[in-house]
Amino acid sequence: MSDQEQPKMDLNNLYREETYTDQAVGTVRAMIPVTAAGDVDPARETGFFGAAQMMTPAGPMPLNFEIEADTLADACEKFPDSASAAMEDAFKEIQEMRRQQESQIVVPGQGGPGGGIQIP
């Protein structure tokens, strides 16, 4: 046994996860706060999270995003807008990665692919 303390579950921060899907567009996960006894904890709010896939030239890319909602019906209604915002964020991140890749300087004779070294 090691001298390090083993990780412990936080009994004051437990959630029950429920998954809902229409088997076409995506999935909504409800994270329902519970007590250590497993009863719903009314002092904390339920969180809703969406999951979908975005098609790219490289294949499907998973999208995971939070949905600001109070109920499951509200989360399902807000799913398209939340998914669109997550898709837009993913596009921006991809564009930034491309911009950074294109702005790297290649110095001849320093090794690496094609005999150059990339300097960010």
PDB file of N, CA and C in Angstrom:
ATOM      1  N   MET A   1       0.847  -1.176   0.000  1.00  0.00           N
ATOM      2  CA  MET A   1       0.000   0.000   0.000  1.00  0.00           C
ATOM      3  C   MET A   1       0.885   1.229   0.000  1.00  0.00           C
ATOM      4  N   SER A   2       0.536   2.256  -0.771  1.00  0.00           N
ATOM      5  CA  SER A   2       1.373   3.444  -0.868  1.00  0.00           C
ATOM      6  C   SER A   2       1.054   4.404   0.263  1.00  0.00           C
ATOM      7  N   ASP A   3       1.977   5.357   0.456  1.00  0.00           N
ATOM      8  CA  ASP A   3       1.795   6.364   1.490  1.00  0.00           C
ATOM      9  C   ASP A   3       0.852   7.470   1.037  1.00  0.00           C
ATOM     10  N   GLN A   4       0.560   7.529  -0.268  1.00  0.00           N
ATOM     11  CA  GLN A   4      -0.328   8.569  -0.774  1.00  0.00           C
ATOM     12  C   GLN A   4      -1.770   8.247  -0.402  1.00  0.00           C
ATOM     13  N   GLU A   5      -2.529   9.309  -0.123  1.00  0.00           N
ATOM     14  CA  GLU A   5      -3.934   9.135   0.219  1.00  0.00           C
ATOM     15  C   GLU A   5      -4.715   8.726  -1.024  1.00  0.00           C
ATOM     16  N   GLN A   6      -5.572   7.743  -0.884  1.00  0.00           N
ATOM     17  CA  GLN A   6      -6.390   7.265  -1.992  1.00  0.00           C
ATOM     18  C   GLN A   6      -7.490   8.285  -2.290  1.00  0.00           C
ATOM     19  N   PRO A   7      -7.838   8.474  -3.571  1.00  0.00           N
ATOM     20  CA  PRO A   7      -8.922   9.409  -3.898  1.00  0.00           C
ATOM     21  C   PRO A   7     -10.237   8.914  -3.306  1.00  0.00           C
ATOM     22  N   LYS A   8     -11.048   9.859  -2.840  1.00  0.00           N
ATOM     23  CA  LYS A   8     -12.333   9.516  -2.230  1.00  0.00           C
ATOM     24  C   LYS A   8     -13.447  10.261  -2.948  1.00  0.00           C
ATOM     25  N   MET A   9     -14.591   9.624  -3.041  1.00  0.00           N
ATOM     26  CA  MET A   9     -15.775  10.254  -3.618  1.00  0.00           C
ATOM     27  C   MET A   9     -16.230  11.369  -2.680  1.00  0.00           C
ATOM     28  N   ASP A  10     -16.654  12.487  -3.268  1.00  0.00           N
ATOM     29  CA  ASP A  10     -17.191  13.612  -2.503  1.00  0.00           C
ATOM     30  C   ASP A  10     -18.678  13.356  -2.287  1.00  0.00           C
ATOM     31  N   LEU A  11     -19.047  12.927  -1.103  1.00  0.00           N
ATOM     32  CA  LEU A  11     -20.434  12.564  -0.813  1.00  0.00           C
ATOM     33  C   LEU A  11     -21.383  13.758  -0.854  1.00  0.00           C
ATOM     34  N   ASN A  12     -20.841  14.978  -0.852  1.00  0.00           N
ATOM     35  CA  ASN A  12     -21.665  16.180  -0.923  1.00  0.00           C
ATOM     36  C   ASN A  12     -21.823  16.683  -2.359  1.00  0.00           C
ATOM     37  N   ASN A  13     -21.253  15.961  -3.321  1.00  0.00           N
ATOM     38  CA  ASN A  13     -21.290  16.402  -4.716  1.00  0.00           C
ATOM     39  C   ASN A  13     -21.611  15.226  -5.643  1.00  0.00           C
ATOM     40  N   LEU A  14     -22.607  14.441  -5.264  1.00  0.00           N
ATOM     41  CA  LEU A  14     -22.984  13.277  -6.059  1.00  0.00           C
ATOM     42  C   LEU A  14     -24.104  13.625  -7.031  1.00  0.00           C
ATOM     43  N   TYR A  15     -24.069  12.967  -8.200  1.00  0.00           N
ATOM     44  CA  TYR A  15     -25.097  13.169  -9.231  1.00  0.00           C
ATOM     45  C   TYR A  15     -25.526  11.827  -9.785  1.00  0.00           C
ATOM     46  N   ARG A  16     -26.786  11.751 -10.166  1.00  0.00           N
ATOM     47  CA  ARG A  16     -27.301  10.607 -10.911  1.00  0.00           C
ATOM     48  C   ARG A  16     -27.399  11.061 -12.366  1.00  0.00           C
ATOM     49  N   GLU A  17     -26.886  10.264 -13.269  1.00  0.00           N
ATOM     50  CA  GLU A  17     -26.892  10.626 -14.686  1.00  0.00           C
ATOM     51  C   GLU A  17     -28.007   9.879 -15.402  1.00  0.00           C
ATOM     52  N   GLU A  18     -28.832  10.634 -16.128  1.00  0.00           N
ATOM     53  CA  GLU A  18     -29.872  10.037 -16.958  1.00  0.00           C
ATOM     54  C   GLU A  18     -29.628  10.487 -18.394  1.00  0.00           C
ATOM     55  N   THR A  19     -29.768   9.570 -19.330  1.00  0.00           N
ATOM     56  CA  THR A  19     -29.499   9.850 -20.738  1.00  0.00           C
ATOM     57  C   THR A  19     -30.787   9.724 -21.543  1.00  0.00           C
ATOM     58  N   TYR A  20     -31.004  10.725 -22.404  1.00  0.00           N
ATOM     59  CA  TYR A  20     -32.190  10.760 -23.265  1.00  0.00           C
ATOM     60  C   TYR A  20     -31.729  10.978 -24.705  1.00  0.00           C
ATOM     61  N   THR A  21     -32.337  10.262 -25.639  1.00  0.00           N
ATOM     62  CA  THR A  21     -31.979  10.431 -27.043  1.00  0.00           C
ATOM     63  C   THR A  21     -33.197  10.225 -27.932  1.00  0.00           C
ATOM     64  N   ASP A  22     -33.168  10.889 -29.075  1.00  0.00           N
ATOM     65  CA  ASP A  22     -34.206  10.659 -30.085  1.00  0.00           C
ATOM     66  C   ASP A  22     -33.684   9.687 -31.147  1.00  0.00           C
ATOM     67  N   GLN A  23     -32.476   9.194 -30.994  1.00  0.00           N
ATOM     68  CA  GLN A  23     -31.793   8.268 -31.890  1.00  0.00           C
ATOM     69  C   GLN A  23     -31.634   8.819 -33.300  1.00  0.00           C
ATOM     70  N   ALA A  24     -31.670  10.146 -33.417  1.00  0.00           N
ATOM     71  CA  ALA A  24     -31.493  10.755 -34.733  1.00  0.00           C
ATOM     72  C   ALA A  24     -30.572  11.965 -34.660  1.00  0.00           C
ATOM     73  N   VAL A  25     -30.886  12.898 -33.789  1.00  0.00           N
ATOM     74  CA  VAL A  25     -30.144  14.158 -33.745  1.00  0.00           C
ATOM     75  C   VAL A  25     -29.030  14.136 -32.709  1.00  0.00           C
ATOM     76  N   GLY A  26     -29.326  13.632 -31.522  1.00  0.00           N
ATOM     77  CA  GLY A  26     -28.304  13.655 -30.485  1.00  0.00           C
ATOM     78  C   GLY A  26     -28.802  13.112 -29.168  1.00  0.00           C
ATOM     79  N   THR A  27     -28.059  13.453 -28.123  1.00  0.00           N
ATOM     80  CA  THR A  27     -28.310  12.940 -26.784  1.00  0.00           C
ATOM     81  C   THR A  27     -28.296  14.086 -25.793  1.00  0.00           C
ATOM     82  N   VAL A  28     -29.173  14.018 -24.814  1.00  0.00           N
ATOM     83  CA  VAL A  28     -29.176  14.960 -23.694  1.00  0.00           C
ATOM     84  C   VAL A  28     -28.914  14.155 -22.434  1.00  0.00           C
ATOM     85  N   ARG A  29     -27.928  14.590 -21.662  1.00  0.00           N
ATOM     86  CA  ARG A  29     -27.632  13.974 -20.366  1.00  0.00           C
ATOM     87  C   ARG A  29     -28.120  14.912 -19.269  1.00  0.00           C
ATOM     88  N   ALA A  30     -28.896  14.381 -18.343  1.00  0.00           N
ATOM     89  CA  ALA A  30     -29.329  15.140 -17.177  1.00  0.00           C
ATOM     90  C   ALA A  30     -28.490  14.676 -15.996  1.00  0.00           C
ATOM     91  N   MET A  31     -27.820  15.627 -15.355  1.00  0.00           N
ATOM     92  CA  MET A  31     -27.020  15.333 -14.172  1.00  0.00           C
ATOM     93  C   MET A  31     -27.833  15.812 -12.966  1.00  0.00           C
ATOM     94  N   ILE A  32     -28.467  14.862 -12.290  1.00  0.00           N
ATOM     95  CA  ILE A  32     -29.401  15.159 -11.216  1.00  0.00           C
ATOM     96  C   ILE A  32     -28.674  15.052  -9.883  1.00  0.00           C
ATOM     97  N   PRO A  33     -28.621  16.157  -9.114  1.00  0.00           N
ATOM     98  CA  PRO A  33     -27.914  16.109  -7.838  1.00  0.00           C
ATOM     99  C   PRO A  33     -28.644  15.208  -6.843  1.00  0.00           C
ATOM    100  N   VAL A  34     -27.885  14.383  -6.140  1.00  0.00           N
ATOM    101  CA  VAL A  34     -28.456  13.478  -5.143  1.00  0.00           C
ATOM    102  C   VAL A  34     -27.654  13.559  -3.850  1.00  0.00           C
ATOM    103  N   THR A  35     -28.294  13.135  -2.782  1.00  0.00           N
ATOM    104  CA  THR A  35     -27.622  13.041  -1.485  1.00  0.00           C
ATOM    105  C   THR A  35     -26.856  11.728  -1.436  1.00  0.00           C
ATOM    106  N   ALA A  36     -26.094  11.544  -0.372  1.00  0.00           N
ATOM    107  CA  ALA A  36     -25.348  10.300  -0.206  1.00  0.00           C
ATOM    108  C   ALA A  36     -26.280   9.101  -0.088  1.00  0.00           C
ATOM    109  N   ALA A  37     -27.537   9.342   0.298  1.00  0.00           N
ATOM    110  CA  ALA A  37     -28.529   8.268   0.395  1.00  0.00           C
ATOM    111  C   ALA A  37     -29.163   7.959  -0.961  1.00  0.00           C
ATOM    112  N   GLY A  38     -28.880   8.794  -1.974  1.00  0.00           N
ATOM    113  CA  GLY A  38     -29.422   8.568  -3.309  1.00  0.00           C
ATOM    114  C   GLY A  38     -30.707   9.321  -3.581  1.00  0.00           C
ATOM    115  N   ASP A  39     -31.156  10.123  -2.618  1.00  0.00           N
ATOM    116  CA  ASP A  39     -32.364  10.921  -2.809  1.00  0.00           C
ATOM    117  C   ASP A  39     -32.018  12.192  -3.570  1.00  0.00           C
ATOM    118  N   VAL A  40     -32.981  12.710  -4.354  1.00  0.00           N
ATOM    119  CA  VAL A  40     -32.755  13.956  -5.087  1.00  0.00           C
ATOM    120  C   VAL A  40     -32.445  15.066  -4.092  1.00  0.00           C
ATOM    121  N   ASP A  41     -31.414  15.855  -4.395  1.00  0.00           N
ATOM    122  CA  ASP A  41     -31.000  16.976  -3.540  1.00  0.00           C
ATOM    123  C   ASP A  41     -31.603  18.254  -4.106  1.00  0.00           C
ATOM    124  N   PRO A  42     -32.694  18.757  -3.509  1.00  0.00           N
ATOM    125  CA  PRO A  42     -33.365  19.938  -4.057  1.00  0.00           C
ATOM    126  C   PRO A  42     -32.558  21.233  -3.880  1.00  0.00           C
ATOM    127  N   ALA A  43     -31.507  21.210  -3.091  1.00  0.00           N
ATOM    128  CA  ALA A  43     -30.699  22.412  -2.862  1.00  0.00           C
ATOM    129  C   ALA A  43     -29.779  22.719  -4.045  1.00  0.00           C
ATOM    130  N   ARG A  44     -29.589  21.749  -4.955  1.00  0.00           N
ATOM    131  CA  ARG A  44     -28.713  21.949  -6.113  1.00  0.00           C
ATOM    132  C   ARG A  44     -29.508  21.769  -7.395  1.00  0.00           C
ATOM    133  N   GLU A  45     -29.062  22.435  -8.450  1.00  0.00           N
ATOM    134  CA  GLU A  45     -29.768  22.393  -9.727  1.00  0.00           C
ATOM    135  C   GLU A  45     -29.304  21.230 -10.602  1.00  0.00           C
ATOM    136  N   THR A  46     -30.225  20.717 -11.388  1.00  0.00           N
ATOM    137  CA  THR A  46     -29.908  19.695 -12.383  1.00  0.00           C
ATOM    138  C   THR A  46     -29.162  20.359 -13.537  1.00  0.00           C
ATOM    139  N   GLY A  47     -28.124  19.710 -14.019  1.00  0.00           N
ATOM    140  CA  GLY A  47     -27.373  20.207 -15.178  1.00  0.00           C
ATOM    141  C   GLY A  47     -27.713  19.385 -16.408  1.00  0.00           C
ATOM    142  N   PHE A  48     -27.764  20.049 -17.555  1.00  0.00           N
ATOM    143  CA  PHE A  48     -28.073  19.361 -18.808  1.00  0.00           C
ATOM    144  C   PHE A  48     -26.908  19.530 -19.779  1.00  0.00           C
ATOM    145  N   PHE A  49     -26.552  18.447 -20.447  1.00  0.00           N
ATOM    146  CA  PHE A  49     -25.433  18.438 -21.377  1.00  0.00           C
ATOM    147  C   PHE A  49     -25.859  17.722 -22.649  1.00  0.00           C
ATOM    148  N   GLY A  50     -25.452  18.269 -23.780  1.00  0.00           N
ATOM    149  CA  GLY A  50     -25.798  17.688 -25.062  1.00  0.00           C
ATOM    150  C   GLY A  50     -24.604  17.019 -25.708  1.00  0.00           C
ATOM    151  N   ALA A  51     -24.889  16.070 -26.585  1.00  0.00           N
ATOM    152  CA  ALA A  51     -23.853  15.399 -27.369  1.00  0.00           C
ATOM    153  C   ALA A  51     -24.406  15.171 -28.766  1.00  0.00           C
ATOM    154  N   ALA A  52     -23.569  15.478 -29.760  1.00  0.00           N
ATOM    155  CA  ALA A  52     -23.941  15.290 -31.165  1.00  0.00           C
ATOM    156  C   ALA A  52     -22.655  15.073 -31.956  1.00  0.00           C
ATOM    157  N   GLN A  53     -22.794  14.860 -33.243  1.00  0.00           N
ATOM    158  CA  GLN A  53     -21.628  14.710 -34.114  1.00  0.00           C
ATOM    159  C   GLN A  53     -21.708  15.729 -35.238  1.00  0.00           C
ATOM    160  N   MET A  54     -20.546  16.281 -35.558  1.00  0.00           N
ATOM    161  CA  MET A  54     -20.429  17.213 -36.671  1.00  0.00           C
ATOM    162  C   MET A  54     -19.611  16.508 -37.750  1.00  0.00           C
ATOM    163  N   MET A  55     -20.119  16.507 -38.963  1.00  0.00           N
ATOM    164  CA  MET A  55     -19.384  15.873 -40.054  1.00  0.00           C
ATOM    165  C   MET A  55     -18.326  16.831 -40.590  1.00  0.00           C
ATOM    166  N   THR A  56     -17.115  16.341 -40.730  1.00  0.00           N
ATOM    167  CA  THR A  56     -15.999  17.116 -41.264  1.00  0.00           C
ATOM    168  C   THR A  56     -15.390  16.322 -42.414  1.00  0.00           C
ATOM    169  N   PRO A  57     -14.509  16.950 -43.209  1.00  0.00           N
ATOM    170  CA  PRO A  57     -13.830  16.195 -44.272  1.00  0.00           C
ATOM    171  C   PRO A  57     -13.024  15.004 -43.734  1.00  0.00           C
ATOM    172  N   ALA A  58     -12.600  15.094 -42.463  1.00  0.00           N
ATOM    173  CA  ALA A  58     -11.828  14.009 -41.858  1.00  0.00           C
ATOM    174  C   ALA A  58     -12.722  12.963 -41.198  1.00  0.00           C
ATOM    175  N   GLY A  59     -14.036  13.169 -41.258  1.00  0.00           N
ATOM    176  CA  GLY A  59     -14.970  12.231 -40.635  1.00  0.00           C
ATOM    177  C   GLY A  59     -15.745  12.903 -39.515  1.00  0.00           C
ATOM    178  N   PRO A  60     -16.552  12.126 -38.789  1.00  0.00           N
ATOM    179  CA  PRO A  60     -17.373  12.711 -37.737  1.00  0.00           C
ATOM    180  C   PRO A  60     -16.537  13.206 -36.560  1.00  0.00           C
ATOM    181  N   MET A  61     -16.910  14.371 -36.033  1.00  0.00           N
ATOM    182  CA  MET A  61     -16.233  14.931 -34.870  1.00  0.00           C
ATOM    183  C   MET A  61     -17.272  15.069 -33.755  1.00  0.00           C
ATOM    184  N   PRO A  62     -17.001  14.489 -32.578  1.00  0.00           N
ATOM    185  CA  PRO A  62     -17.975  14.584 -31.498  1.00  0.00           C
ATOM    186  C   PRO A  62     -18.059  16.003 -30.936  1.00  0.00           C
ATOM    187  N   LEU A  63     -19.262  16.415 -30.601  1.00  0.00           N
ATOM    188  CA  LEU A  63     -19.506  17.694 -29.944  1.00  0.00           C
ATOM    189  C   LEU A  63     -20.156  17.415 -28.599  1.00  0.00           C
ATOM    190  N   ASN A  64     -19.625  17.990 -27.548  1.00  0.00           N
ATOM    191  CA  ASN A  64     -20.200  17.899 -26.210  1.00  0.00           C
ATOM    192  C   ASN A  64     -20.352  19.309 -25.690  1.00  0.00           C
ATOM    193  N   PHE A  65     -21.525  19.627 -25.145  1.00  0.00           N
ATOM    194  CA  PHE A  65     -21.792  21.002 -24.766  1.00  0.00           C
ATOM    195  C   PHE A  65     -22.822  21.058 -23.642  1.00  0.00           C
ATOM    196  N   GLU A  66     -22.727  22.133 -22.874  1.00  0.00           N
ATOM    197  CA  GLU A  66     -23.692  22.373 -21.804  1.00  0.00           C
ATOM    198  C   GLU A  66     -24.922  23.041 -22.405  1.00  0.00           C
ATOM    199  N   ILE A  67     -26.076  22.724 -21.856  1.00  0.00           N
ATOM    200  CA  ILE A  67     -27.334  23.340 -22.279  1.00  0.00           C
ATOM    201  C   ILE A  67     -27.906  24.071 -21.064  1.00  0.00           C
ATOM    202  N   GLU A  68     -28.055  25.384 -21.184  1.00  0.00           N
ATOM    203  CA  GLU A  68     -28.640  26.175 -20.105  1.00  0.00           C
ATOM    204  C   GLU A  68     -30.148  25.940 -20.109  1.00  0.00           C
ATOM    205  N   ALA A  69     -30.632  25.108 -19.185  1.00  0.00           N
ATOM    206  CA  ALA A  69     -32.046  24.756 -19.147  1.00  0.00           C
ATOM    207  C   ALA A  69     -32.450  24.393 -17.729  1.00  0.00           C
ATOM    208  N   ASP A  70     -33.752  24.488 -17.469  1.00  0.00           N
ATOM    209  CA  ASP A  70     -34.295  24.150 -16.158  1.00  0.00           C
ATOM    210  C   ASP A  70     -34.991  22.799 -16.134  1.00  0.00           C
ATOM    211  N   THR A  71     -35.452  22.347 -17.307  1.00  0.00           N
ATOM    212  CA  THR A  71     -36.164  21.079 -17.398  1.00  0.00           C
ATOM    213  C   THR A  71     -35.661  20.302 -18.610  1.00  0.00           C
ATOM    214  N   LEU A  72     -36.009  19.028 -18.669  1.00  0.00           N
ATOM    215  CA  LEU A  72     -35.631  18.203 -19.817  1.00  0.00           C
ATOM    216  C   LEU A  72     -36.269  18.752 -21.095  1.00  0.00           C
ATOM    217  N   ALA A  73     -37.527  19.135 -21.032  1.00  0.00           N
ATOM    218  CA  ALA A  73     -38.205  19.682 -22.218  1.00  0.00           C
ATOM    219  C   ALA A  73     -37.503  20.951 -22.690  1.00  0.00           C
ATOM    220  N   ASP A  74     -37.119  21.797 -21.749  1.00  0.00           N
ATOM    221  CA  ASP A  74     -36.400  23.031 -22.070  1.00  0.00           C
ATOM    222  C   ASP A  74     -35.046  22.700 -22.710  1.00  0.00           C
ATOM    223  N   ALA A  75     -34.355  21.688 -22.176  1.00  0.00           N
ATOM    224  CA  ALA A  75     -33.053  21.274 -22.727  1.00  0.00           C
ATOM    225  C   ALA A  75     -33.214  20.761 -24.155  1.00  0.00           C
ATOM    226  N   CYS A  76     -34.267  19.993 -24.412  1.00  0.00           N
ATOM    227  CA  CYS A  76     -34.505  19.480 -25.768  1.00  0.00           C
ATOM    228  C   CYS A  76     -34.828  20.618 -26.732  1.00  0.00           C
ATOM    229  N   GLU A  77     -35.568  21.602 -26.250  1.00  0.00           N
ATOM    230  CA  GLU A  77     -35.912  22.748 -27.092  1.00  0.00           C
ATOM    231  C   GLU A  77     -34.674  23.585 -27.411  1.00  0.00           C
ATOM    232  N   LYS A  78     -33.763  23.704 -26.444  1.00  0.00           N
ATOM    233  CA  LYS A  78     -32.561  24.525 -26.630  1.00  0.00           C
ATOM    234  C   LYS A  78     -31.408  23.741 -27.261  1.00  0.00           C
ATOM    235  N   PHE A  79     -31.589  22.435 -27.469  1.00  0.00           N
ATOM    236  CA  PHE A  79     -30.536  21.585 -28.022  1.00  0.00           C
ATOM    237  C   PHE A  79     -29.985  22.120 -29.343  1.00  0.00           C
ATOM    238  N   PRO A  80     -30.836  22.463 -30.342  1.00  0.00           N
ATOM    239  CA  PRO A  80     -30.286  22.912 -31.634  1.00  0.00           C
ATOM    240  C   PRO A  80     -29.406  24.155 -31.519  1.00  0.00           C
ATOM    241  N   ASP A  81     -29.844  25.146 -30.744  1.00  0.00           N
ATOM    242  CA  ASP A  81     -29.049  26.369 -30.597  1.00  0.00           C
ATOM    243  C   ASP A  81     -27.744  26.100 -29.858  1.00  0.00           C
ATOM    244  N   SER A  82     -27.801  25.243 -28.828  1.00  0.00           N
ATOM    245  CA  SER A  82     -26.586  24.903 -28.074  1.00  0.00           C
ATOM    246  C   SER A  82     -25.614  24.114 -28.941  1.00  0.00           C
ATOM    247  N   ALA A  83     -26.144  23.207 -29.770  1.00  0.00           N
ATOM    248  CA  ALA A  83     -25.295  22.424 -30.675  1.00  0.00           C
ATOM    249  C   ALA A  83     -24.662  23.337 -31.721  1.00  0.00           C
ATOM    250  N   SER A  84     -25.434  24.294 -32.247  1.00  0.00           N
ATOM    251  CA  SER A  84     -24.894  25.238 -33.234  1.00  0.00           C
ATOM    252  C   SER A  84     -23.775  26.081 -32.637  1.00  0.00           C
ATOM    253  N   ALA A  85     -23.962  26.527 -31.400  1.00  0.00           N
ATOM    254  CA  ALA A  85     -22.917  27.316 -30.728  1.00  0.00           C
ATOM    255  C   ALA A  85     -21.662  26.472 -30.515  1.00  0.00           C
ATOM    256  N   ALA A  86     -21.834  25.202 -30.139  1.00  0.00           N
ATOM    257  CA  ALA A  86     -20.682  24.313 -29.950  1.00  0.00           C
ATOM    258  C   ALA A  86     -19.977  24.062 -31.284  1.00  0.00           C
ATOM    259  N   MET A  87     -20.752  23.938 -32.375  1.00  0.00           N
ATOM    260  CA  MET A  87     -20.177  23.731 -33.694  1.00  0.00           C
ATOM    261  C   MET A  87     -19.377  24.968 -34.114  1.00  0.00           C
ATOM    262  N   GLU A  88     -19.930  26.141 -33.860  1.00  0.00           N
ATOM    263  CA  GLU A  88     -19.241  27.383 -34.193  1.00  0.00           C
ATOM    264  C   GLU A  88     -17.930  27.500 -33.406  1.00  0.00           C
ATOM    265  N   ASP A  89     -17.969  27.147 -32.121  1.00  0.00           N
ATOM    266  CA  ASP A  89     -16.750  27.167 -31.302  1.00  0.00           C
ATOM    267  C   ASP A  89     -15.714  26.190 -31.847  1.00  0.00           C
ATOM    268  N   ALA A  90     -16.174  25.008 -32.286  1.00  0.00           N
ATOM    269  CA  ALA A  90     -15.254  24.015 -32.843  1.00  0.00           C
ATOM    270  C   ALA A  90     -14.617  24.528 -34.130  1.00  0.00           C
ATOM    271  N   PHE A  91     -15.413  25.183 -35.006  1.00  0.00           N
ATOM    272  CA  PHE A  91     -14.864  25.759 -36.236  1.00  0.00           C
ATOM    273  C   PHE A  91     -13.812  26.816 -35.919  1.00  0.00           C
ATOM    274  N   LYS A  92     -14.097  27.676 -34.936  1.00  0.00           N
ATOM    275  CA  LYS A  92     -13.143  28.719 -34.553  1.00  0.00           C
ATOM    276  C   LYS A  92     -11.848  28.107 -34.036  1.00  0.00           C
ATOM    277  N   GLU A  93     -11.972  27.043 -33.244  1.00  0.00           N
ATOM    278  CA  GLU A  93     -10.787  26.376 -32.711  1.00  0.00           C
ATOM    279  C   GLU A  93      -9.962  25.743 -33.833  1.00  0.00           C
ATOM    280  N   ILE A  94     -10.639  25.125 -34.799  1.00  0.00           N
ATOM    281  CA  ILE A  94      -9.940  24.524 -35.938  1.00  0.00           C
ATOM    282  C   ILE A  94      -9.241  25.602 -36.759  1.00  0.00           C
ATOM    283  N   GLN A  95      -9.916  26.727 -36.996  1.00  0.00           N
ATOM    284  CA  GLN A  95      -9.314  27.830 -37.749  1.00  0.00           C
ATOM    285  C   GLN A  95      -8.095  28.382 -37.018  1.00  0.00           C
ATOM    286  N   GLU A  96      -8.170  28.504 -35.703  1.00  0.00           N
ATOM    287  CA  GLU A  96      -7.031  28.998 -34.930  1.00  0.00           C
ATOM    288  C   GLU A  96      -5.856  28.029 -35.009  1.00  0.00           C
ATOM    289  N   MET A  97      -6.144  26.730 -34.950  1.00  0.00           N
ATOM    290  CA  MET A  97      -5.077  25.732 -35.067  1.00  0.00           C
ATOM    291  C   MET A  97      -4.428  25.817 -36.442  1.00  0.00           C
ATOM    292  N   ARG A  98      -5.231  25.989 -37.500  1.00  0.00           N
ATOM    293  CA  ARG A  98      -4.683  26.136 -38.853  1.00  0.00           C
ATOM    294  C   ARG A  98      -3.829  27.393 -38.957  1.00  0.00           C
ATOM    295  N   ARG A  99      -4.319  28.504 -38.377  1.00  0.00           N
ATOM    296  CA  ARG A  99      -3.575  29.765 -38.411  1.00  0.00           C
ATOM    297  C   ARG A  99      -2.223  29.609 -37.722  1.00  0.00           C
ATOM    298  N   GLN A 100      -2.217  28.955 -36.583  1.00  0.00           N
ATOM    299  CA  GLN A 100      -0.962  28.743 -35.858  1.00  0.00           C
ATOM    300  C   GLN A 100      -0.014  27.855 -36.661  1.00  0.00           C
ATOM    301  N   GLN A 101      -0.559  26.817 -37.294  1.00  0.00           N
ATOM    302  CA  GLN A 101       0.272  25.918 -38.099  1.00  0.00           C
ATOM    303  C   GLN A 101       0.875  26.661 -39.282  1.00  0.00           C
ATOM    304  N   GLU A 102       0.084  27.516 -39.938  1.00  0.00           N
ATOM    305  CA  GLU A 102       0.564  28.259 -41.106  1.00  0.00           C
ATOM    306  C   GLU A 102       1.582  29.328 -40.732  1.00  0.00           C
ATOM    307  N   SER A 103       1.543  29.809 -39.500  1.00  0.00           N
ATOM    308  CA  SER A 103       2.447  30.891 -39.109  1.00  0.00           C
ATOM    309  C   SER A 103       3.776  30.385 -38.561  1.00  0.00           C
ATOM    310  N   GLN A 104       3.966  29.076 -38.518  1.00  0.00           N
ATOM    311  CA  GLN A 104       5.245  28.550 -38.049  1.00  0.00           C
ATOM    312  C   GLN A 104       6.331  28.829 -39.074  1.00  0.00           C
ATOM    313  N   ILE A 105       7.536  29.116 -38.592  1.00  0.00           N
ATOM    314  CA  ILE A 105       8.677  29.423 -39.457  1.00  0.00           C
ATOM    315  C   ILE A 105       9.499  28.158 -39.655  1.00  0.00           C
ATOM    316  N   VAL A 106       9.833  27.870 -40.904  1.00  0.00           N
ATOM    317  CA  VAL A 106      10.671  26.718 -41.227  1.00  0.00           C
ATOM    318  C   VAL A 106      12.071  27.245 -41.520  1.00  0.00           C
ATOM    319  N   VAL A 107      13.063  26.737 -40.745  1.00  0.00           N
ATOM    320  CA  VAL A 107      14.448  27.147 -40.925  1.00  0.00           C
ATOM    321  C   VAL A 107      15.184  26.018 -41.637  1.00  0.00           C
ATOM    322  N   PRO A 108      15.727  26.269 -42.851  1.00  0.00           N
ATOM    323  CA  PRO A 108      16.413  25.216 -43.602  1.00  0.00           C
ATOM    324  C   PRO A 108      17.634  24.680 -42.851  1.00  0.00           C
ATOM    325  N   GLY A 109      17.897  23.376 -43.035  1.00  0.00           N
ATOM    326  CA  GLY A 109      19.102  22.765 -42.482  1.00  0.00           C
ATOM    327  C   GLY A 109      19.035  22.467 -41.002  1.00  0.00           C
ATOM    328  N   GLN A 110      17.896  22.569 -40.379  1.00  0.00           N
ATOM    329  CA  GLN A 110      17.810  22.331 -38.934  1.00  0.00           C
ATOM    330  C   GLN A 110      17.155  21.004 -38.590  1.00  0.00           C
ATOM    331  N   GLY A 111      17.044  20.090 -39.530  1.00  0.00           N
ATOM    332  CA  GLY A 111      16.428  18.791 -39.260  1.00  0.00           C
ATOM    333  C   GLY A 111      14.931  18.858 -39.435  1.00  0.00           C
ATOM    334  N   GLY A 112      14.253  17.810 -39.010  1.00  0.00           N
ATOM    335  CA  GLY A 112      12.787  17.759 -39.133  1.00  0.00           C
ATOM    336  C   GLY A 112      12.382  17.378 -40.537  1.00  0.00           C
ATOM    337  N   PRO A 113      11.098  17.333 -40.808  1.00  0.00           N
ATOM    338  CA  PRO A 113      10.635  16.938 -42.133  1.00  0.00           C
ATOM    339  C   PRO A 113      11.118  17.920 -43.194  1.00  0.00           C
ATOM    340  N   GLY A 114      11.667  17.408 -44.270  1.00  0.00           N
ATOM    341  CA  GLY A 114      12.124  18.236 -45.367  1.00  0.00           C
ATOM    342  C   GLY A 114      13.380  19.035 -45.028  1.00  0.00           C
ATOM    343  N   GLY A 115      14.079  18.690 -43.945  1.00  0.00           N
ATOM    344  CA  GLY A 115      15.335  19.355 -43.597  1.00  0.00           C
ATOM    345  C   GLY A 115      15.160  20.657 -42.846  1.00  0.00           C
ATOM    346  N   GLY A 116      13.982  20.995 -42.401  1.00  0.00           N
ATOM    347  CA  GLY A 116      13.788  22.244 -41.665  1.00  0.00           C
ATOM    348  C   GLY A 116      13.260  21.979 -40.274  1.00  0.00           C
ATOM    349  N   ILE A 117      13.357  22.976 -39.426  1.00  0.00           N
ATOM    350  CA  ILE A 117      12.807  22.902 -38.091  1.00  0.00           C
ATOM    351  C   ILE A 117      11.699  23.929 -37.998  1.00  0.00           C
ATOM    352  N   GLN A 118      10.627  23.579 -37.384  1.00  0.00           N
ATOM    353  CA  GLN A 118       9.524  24.521 -37.260  1.00  0.00           C
ATOM    354  C   GLN A 118       9.652  25.263 -35.931  1.00  0.00           C
ATOM    355  N   ILE A 119       9.590  26.580 -36.011  1.00  0.00           N
ATOM    356  CA  ILE A 119       9.683  27.422 -34.820  1.00  0.00           C
ATOM    357  C   ILE A 119       8.350  28.145 -34.663  1.00  0.00           C
ATOM    358  N   PRO A 120       7.645  27.900 -33.561  1.00  0.00           N
ATOM    359  CA  PRO A 120       6.354  28.561 -33.394  1.00  0.00           C
ATOM    360  C   PRO A 120       6.510  30.052 -33.174  1.00  0.00           C
TER     361      PRO A 120
END
